[in-house]
Amino acid sequence: MEVTDLTKLNQMDSRDKLERENGGYSFYAYLSRMRYISRWGLMRNSYTENIQEHSHMVAVLAHALALISRKVFGNKDISPDACAAAALFHDAGEIITGDLPTPIKYYSAEIRDAYRQVESVAADKLLHMLPEELQEDYGPMLREEDPEVRRFVKAADKLSAHIKCLEELKASNHEFLLAARQTRQALDDMDMPELRYFIENFLDSFTLTLDELK
C-alpha cells in the first residue's frame, strides 16, 4: 500500500497530484468536516454541539427506536441497522449548506420547499465525490429514500434536539426553555409508540447528574 509523503503537502505541485490521484474522491474528507459546523447558532449554549456529534446521537436514538419497535411492538419490517446508518448521514448535506436555524427554515412553505431543493443539490454533490461503484449504496441514505427509515430518523432527530434542551436546562440555561416545550410537543404530536416507550423509560435519566445515574 502506497503511503502519502506528508513532507510534500506544502508543495503546490504535490498537492495538485494528491487531489488528482485515484480520481480525487473527497467524500470522506468532507464528512470529517462535520465537526466544524455548530448547531443552535442563534442561541446561547452552555456547551456547543456540532453536526458530527449530533449525527452520532441521532444514530444511537434511531437505532434504539427501531429496536424498540421490533422487540417491544413486534414490527419486523424495520431495520435498526438501516436506521442507524441513515441517521449518520441525515445532516451530511449541511457540510455544503451550513446549518440553517429552524425558525428560518420553517418560516414559510416557500422557504421550506426551497431549502429542500438545496438539500437535494447538496446530496447530489456529495454523491459525486464518490466512485460510481459506491454511489448506489450511499444514495438512498443521503437522499433519505426509504419513507419508514426516514420516519424513524426524523423522530430520533427531534428526540436528540429535545435531549439537548433538557441538558441545557440542567445547566440552568433558560435560553432553551421554550425550545424544550416545543420539541416535546413535536414528539407528542408524532404519536409513535416507540417514542412514548423511550420517553417513559429513558428520558428522565438525561436530567440527572453523573452521580445520580445508576
Protein backbone atom coordinates (compact mmCIF):
# COMPACT_ATOMS: atom_id res chain seq x y z
CA MET A 1 0.00 0.00 0.00
CA GLU A 2 1.40 3.37 -1.01
CA VAL A 3 1.86 5.83 1.85
CA THR A 4 1.35 9.55 1.31
CA ASP A 5 4.56 11.52 1.76
CA LEU A 6 3.45 14.16 4.25
CA THR A 7 6.60 16.22 3.71
CA LYS A 8 5.27 17.19 0.29
CA LEU A 9 1.94 18.55 1.45
CA ASN A 10 3.22 22.11 1.45
CA GLN A 11 4.38 21.87 -2.17
CA MET A 12 1.66 23.02 -4.58
CA ASP A 13 2.56 20.63 -7.42
CA SER A 14 2.48 17.70 -4.99
CA ARG A 15 -0.87 18.85 -3.56
CA ASP A 16 -2.33 19.00 -7.08
CA LYS A 17 -1.12 15.46 -7.67
CA LEU A 18 -2.69 14.25 -4.42
CA GLU A 19 -6.02 15.78 -5.43
CA ARG A 20 -5.95 14.01 -8.80
CA GLU A 21 -4.76 10.58 -7.61
CA ASN A 22 -7.36 7.79 -7.55
CA GLY A 23 -9.93 10.14 -9.04
CA GLY A 24 -9.52 12.73 -6.30
CA TYR A 25 -12.51 11.45 -4.32
CA SER A 26 -13.13 13.64 -1.28
CA PHE A 27 -16.38 12.24 0.18
CA TYR A 28 -14.90 11.02 3.45
CA ALA A 29 -12.69 14.06 3.87
CA TYR A 30 -15.79 16.23 3.55
CA LEU A 31 -17.62 14.14 6.15
CA SER A 32 -14.78 14.63 8.59
CA ARG A 33 -15.51 18.38 8.50
CA MET A 34 -18.96 17.93 10.01
CA ARG A 35 -17.33 18.69 13.35
CA TYR A 36 -16.74 22.28 12.25
CA ILE A 37 -20.45 23.09 11.79
CA SER A 38 -22.19 24.14 15.00
CA ARG A 39 -25.88 23.74 15.75
CA TRP A 40 -28.22 26.10 17.63
CA GLY A 41 -26.35 29.07 16.21
CA LEU A 42 -28.91 31.71 17.27
CA MET A 43 -28.99 30.61 20.90
CA ARG A 44 -26.61 30.95 23.84
CA ASN A 45 -25.27 27.48 24.60
CA SER A 46 -23.69 26.20 27.79
CA TYR A 47 -21.80 23.82 25.54
CA THR A 48 -21.55 23.76 21.76
CA GLU A 49 -22.85 20.90 19.66
CA ASN A 50 -21.62 20.25 16.13
CA ILE A 51 -23.41 18.20 13.49
CA GLN A 52 -20.93 15.32 13.79
CA GLU A 53 -21.78 14.91 17.48
CA HIS A 54 -25.47 15.39 16.73
CA SER A 55 -25.43 12.78 13.95
CA HIS A 56 -23.87 10.20 16.25
CA MET A 57 -26.55 10.79 18.88
CA VAL A 58 -29.32 10.63 16.29
CA ALA A 59 -27.88 7.33 15.05
CA VAL A 60 -27.91 5.93 18.59
CA LEU A 61 -31.50 7.08 19.11
CA ALA A 62 -32.76 5.93 15.69
CA HIS A 63 -31.26 2.50 16.32
CA ALA A 64 -32.91 2.43 19.76
CA LEU A 65 -36.34 3.45 18.45
CA ALA A 66 -36.19 0.85 15.68
CA LEU A 67 -35.04 -1.82 18.13
CA ILE A 68 -37.90 -0.92 20.48
CA SER A 69 -40.25 -1.15 17.51
CA ARG A 70 -39.04 -4.68 16.72
CA LYS A 71 -38.62 -6.08 20.21
CA VAL A 72 -41.45 -4.37 22.10
CA PHE A 73 -44.07 -3.77 19.41
CA GLY A 74 -43.32 -6.67 17.05
CA ASN A 75 -42.50 -4.60 13.96
CA LYS A 76 -40.34 -6.96 11.91
CA ASP A 77 -40.28 -4.66 8.88
CA ILE A 78 -37.93 -2.04 10.36
CA SER A 79 -34.16 -2.46 10.46
CA PRO A 80 -32.33 -0.85 13.41
CA ASP A 81 -29.08 -1.04 11.43
CA ALA A 82 -30.59 0.75 8.42
CA CYS A 83 -31.98 3.47 10.68
CA ALA A 84 -28.64 3.96 12.42
CA ALA A 85 -26.76 4.19 9.12
CA ALA A 86 -29.25 6.64 7.62
CA ALA A 87 -29.10 8.78 10.75
CA LEU A 88 -25.33 9.09 10.50
CA PHE A 89 -25.78 10.82 7.13
CA HIS A 90 -29.05 12.69 7.71
CA ASP A 91 -27.29 16.07 8.13
CA ALA A 92 -24.33 15.38 5.83
CA GLY A 93 -25.58 17.93 3.31
CA GLU A 94 -25.04 20.68 5.88
CA ILE A 95 -21.33 20.41 5.15
CA ILE A 96 -22.25 22.26 1.97
CA THR A 97 -25.34 24.23 3.00
CA GLY A 98 -24.45 25.01 6.61
CA ASP A 99 -26.93 24.68 9.46
CA LEU A 100 -29.94 26.89 8.79
CA PRO A 101 -31.68 27.79 12.07
CA THR A 102 -35.08 26.14 12.47
CA PRO A 103 -37.06 29.42 12.79
CA ILE A 104 -35.76 30.44 9.37
CA LYS A 105 -36.00 27.01 7.73
CA TYR A 106 -39.69 26.68 8.59
CA TYR A 107 -40.66 30.37 8.42
CA SER A 108 -42.78 29.77 5.35
CA ALA A 109 -43.72 26.98 2.94
CA GLU A 110 -41.73 28.72 0.20
CA ILE A 111 -38.53 28.79 2.26
CA ARG A 112 -39.05 25.19 3.40
CA ASP A 113 -39.53 23.95 -0.16
CA ALA A 114 -36.58 25.96 -1.45
CA TYR A 115 -34.36 24.58 1.29
CA ARG A 116 -35.39 21.03 0.39
CA GLN A 117 -34.21 21.70 -3.15
CA VAL A 118 -30.91 22.99 -1.79
CA GLU A 119 -30.59 19.83 0.34
CA SER A 120 -31.21 17.70 -2.76
CA VAL A 121 -28.47 19.51 -4.67
CA ALA A 122 -26.10 19.09 -1.70
CA ALA A 123 -26.82 15.34 -1.56
CA ASP A 124 -26.05 15.00 -5.28
CA LYS A 125 -22.83 16.97 -4.88
CA LEU A 126 -21.69 14.68 -2.06
CA LEU A 127 -22.58 11.57 -4.08
CA HIS A 128 -20.38 12.73 -6.93
CA MET A 129 -17.46 12.84 -4.50
CA LEU A 130 -17.60 9.02 -4.53
CA PRO A 131 -16.59 6.45 -7.15
CA GLU A 132 -19.58 5.30 -9.21
CA GLU A 133 -19.47 1.82 -7.70
CA LEU A 134 -20.19 3.27 -4.22
CA GLN A 135 -22.81 5.85 -5.15
CA GLU A 136 -25.61 3.29 -5.31
CA ASP A 137 -25.08 2.39 -1.63
CA TYR A 138 -24.84 5.93 -0.29
CA GLY A 139 -27.57 7.44 -2.46
CA PRO A 140 -30.57 6.09 -0.51
CA MET A 141 -29.10 7.34 2.79
CA LEU A 142 -28.11 10.79 1.58
CA ARG A 143 -31.45 11.23 -0.20
CA GLU A 144 -33.48 9.63 2.64
CA GLU A 145 -35.35 7.49 0.12
CA ASP A 146 -36.91 4.92 2.47
CA PRO A 147 -40.01 6.58 3.98
CA GLU A 148 -40.16 4.30 7.05
CA VAL A 149 -36.47 4.71 7.83
CA ARG A 150 -36.88 8.47 7.30
CA ARG A 151 -39.75 8.49 9.81
CA PHE A 152 -37.60 6.89 12.50
CA VAL A 153 -34.64 9.15 11.76
CA LYS A 154 -36.90 12.22 11.94
CA ALA A 155 -38.21 11.06 15.32
CA ALA A 156 -34.67 10.46 16.57
CA ASP A 157 -33.58 13.86 15.26
CA LYS A 158 -36.35 15.62 17.19
CA LEU A 159 -35.65 13.48 20.26
CA SER A 160 -31.97 14.45 20.13
CA ALA A 161 -32.96 18.13 19.96
CA HIS A 162 -35.22 17.72 22.99
CA ILE A 163 -32.45 15.98 24.93
CA LYS A 164 -30.12 18.86 24.09
CA CYS A 165 -32.73 21.25 25.54
CA LEU A 166 -33.03 19.20 28.73
CA GLU A 167 -29.27 19.16 29.18
CA GLU A 168 -29.10 22.93 28.69
CA LEU A 169 -31.87 23.43 31.25
CA LYS A 170 -29.99 21.14 33.62
CA ALA A 171 -27.10 23.59 33.26
CA SER A 172 -29.51 26.41 34.28
CA ASN A 173 -29.58 27.84 30.78
CA HIS A 174 -33.14 29.14 30.41
CA GLU A 175 -32.44 30.13 26.81
CA PHE A 176 -33.70 26.64 25.92
CA LEU A 177 -36.92 26.71 27.94
CA LEU A 178 -39.27 27.42 25.03
CA ALA A 179 -37.34 25.09 22.72
CA ALA A 180 -37.74 22.29 25.26
CA ARG A 181 -41.51 22.79 25.29
CA GLN A 182 -41.72 22.97 21.51
CA THR A 183 -39.59 19.88 20.90
CA ARG A 184 -41.55 17.89 23.48
CA GLN A 185 -44.82 18.90 21.83
CA ALA A 186 -43.39 17.86 18.47
CA LEU A 187 -42.51 14.44 19.90
CA ASP A 188 -46.00 14.01 21.33
CA ASP A 189 -47.55 15.07 18.01
CA MET A 190 -45.66 12.28 16.21
CA ASP A 191 -47.78 9.80 18.20
CA MET A 192 -45.22 6.97 17.90
CA PRO A 193 -45.43 4.17 20.48
CA GLU A 194 -41.65 3.79 20.23
CA LEU A 195 -41.19 7.40 21.30
CA ARG A 196 -43.63 7.02 24.18
CA TYR A 197 -41.75 3.93 25.35
CA PHE A 198 -38.41 5.76 25.19
CA ILE A 199 -39.79 8.81 26.99
CA GLU A 200 -41.32 6.70 29.77
CA ASN A 201 -38.25 4.55 30.31
CA PHE A 202 -35.18 6.59 29.37
CA LEU A 203 -35.79 10.31 29.02
CA ASP A 204 -35.68 11.32 32.69
CA SER A 205 -32.15 9.99 33.04
CA PHE A 206 -30.89 12.84 30.85
CA THR A 207 -31.87 15.30 33.60
CA LEU A 208 -29.71 13.55 36.22
CA THR A 209 -26.16 14.34 37.27
CA LEU A 210 -23.38 11.82 36.82
CA ASP A 211 -23.52 10.82 40.47
CA GLU A 212 -27.26 10.23 40.20
CA LEU A 213 -27.01 7.94 37.18
CA LYS A 214 -27.18 4.25 38.04
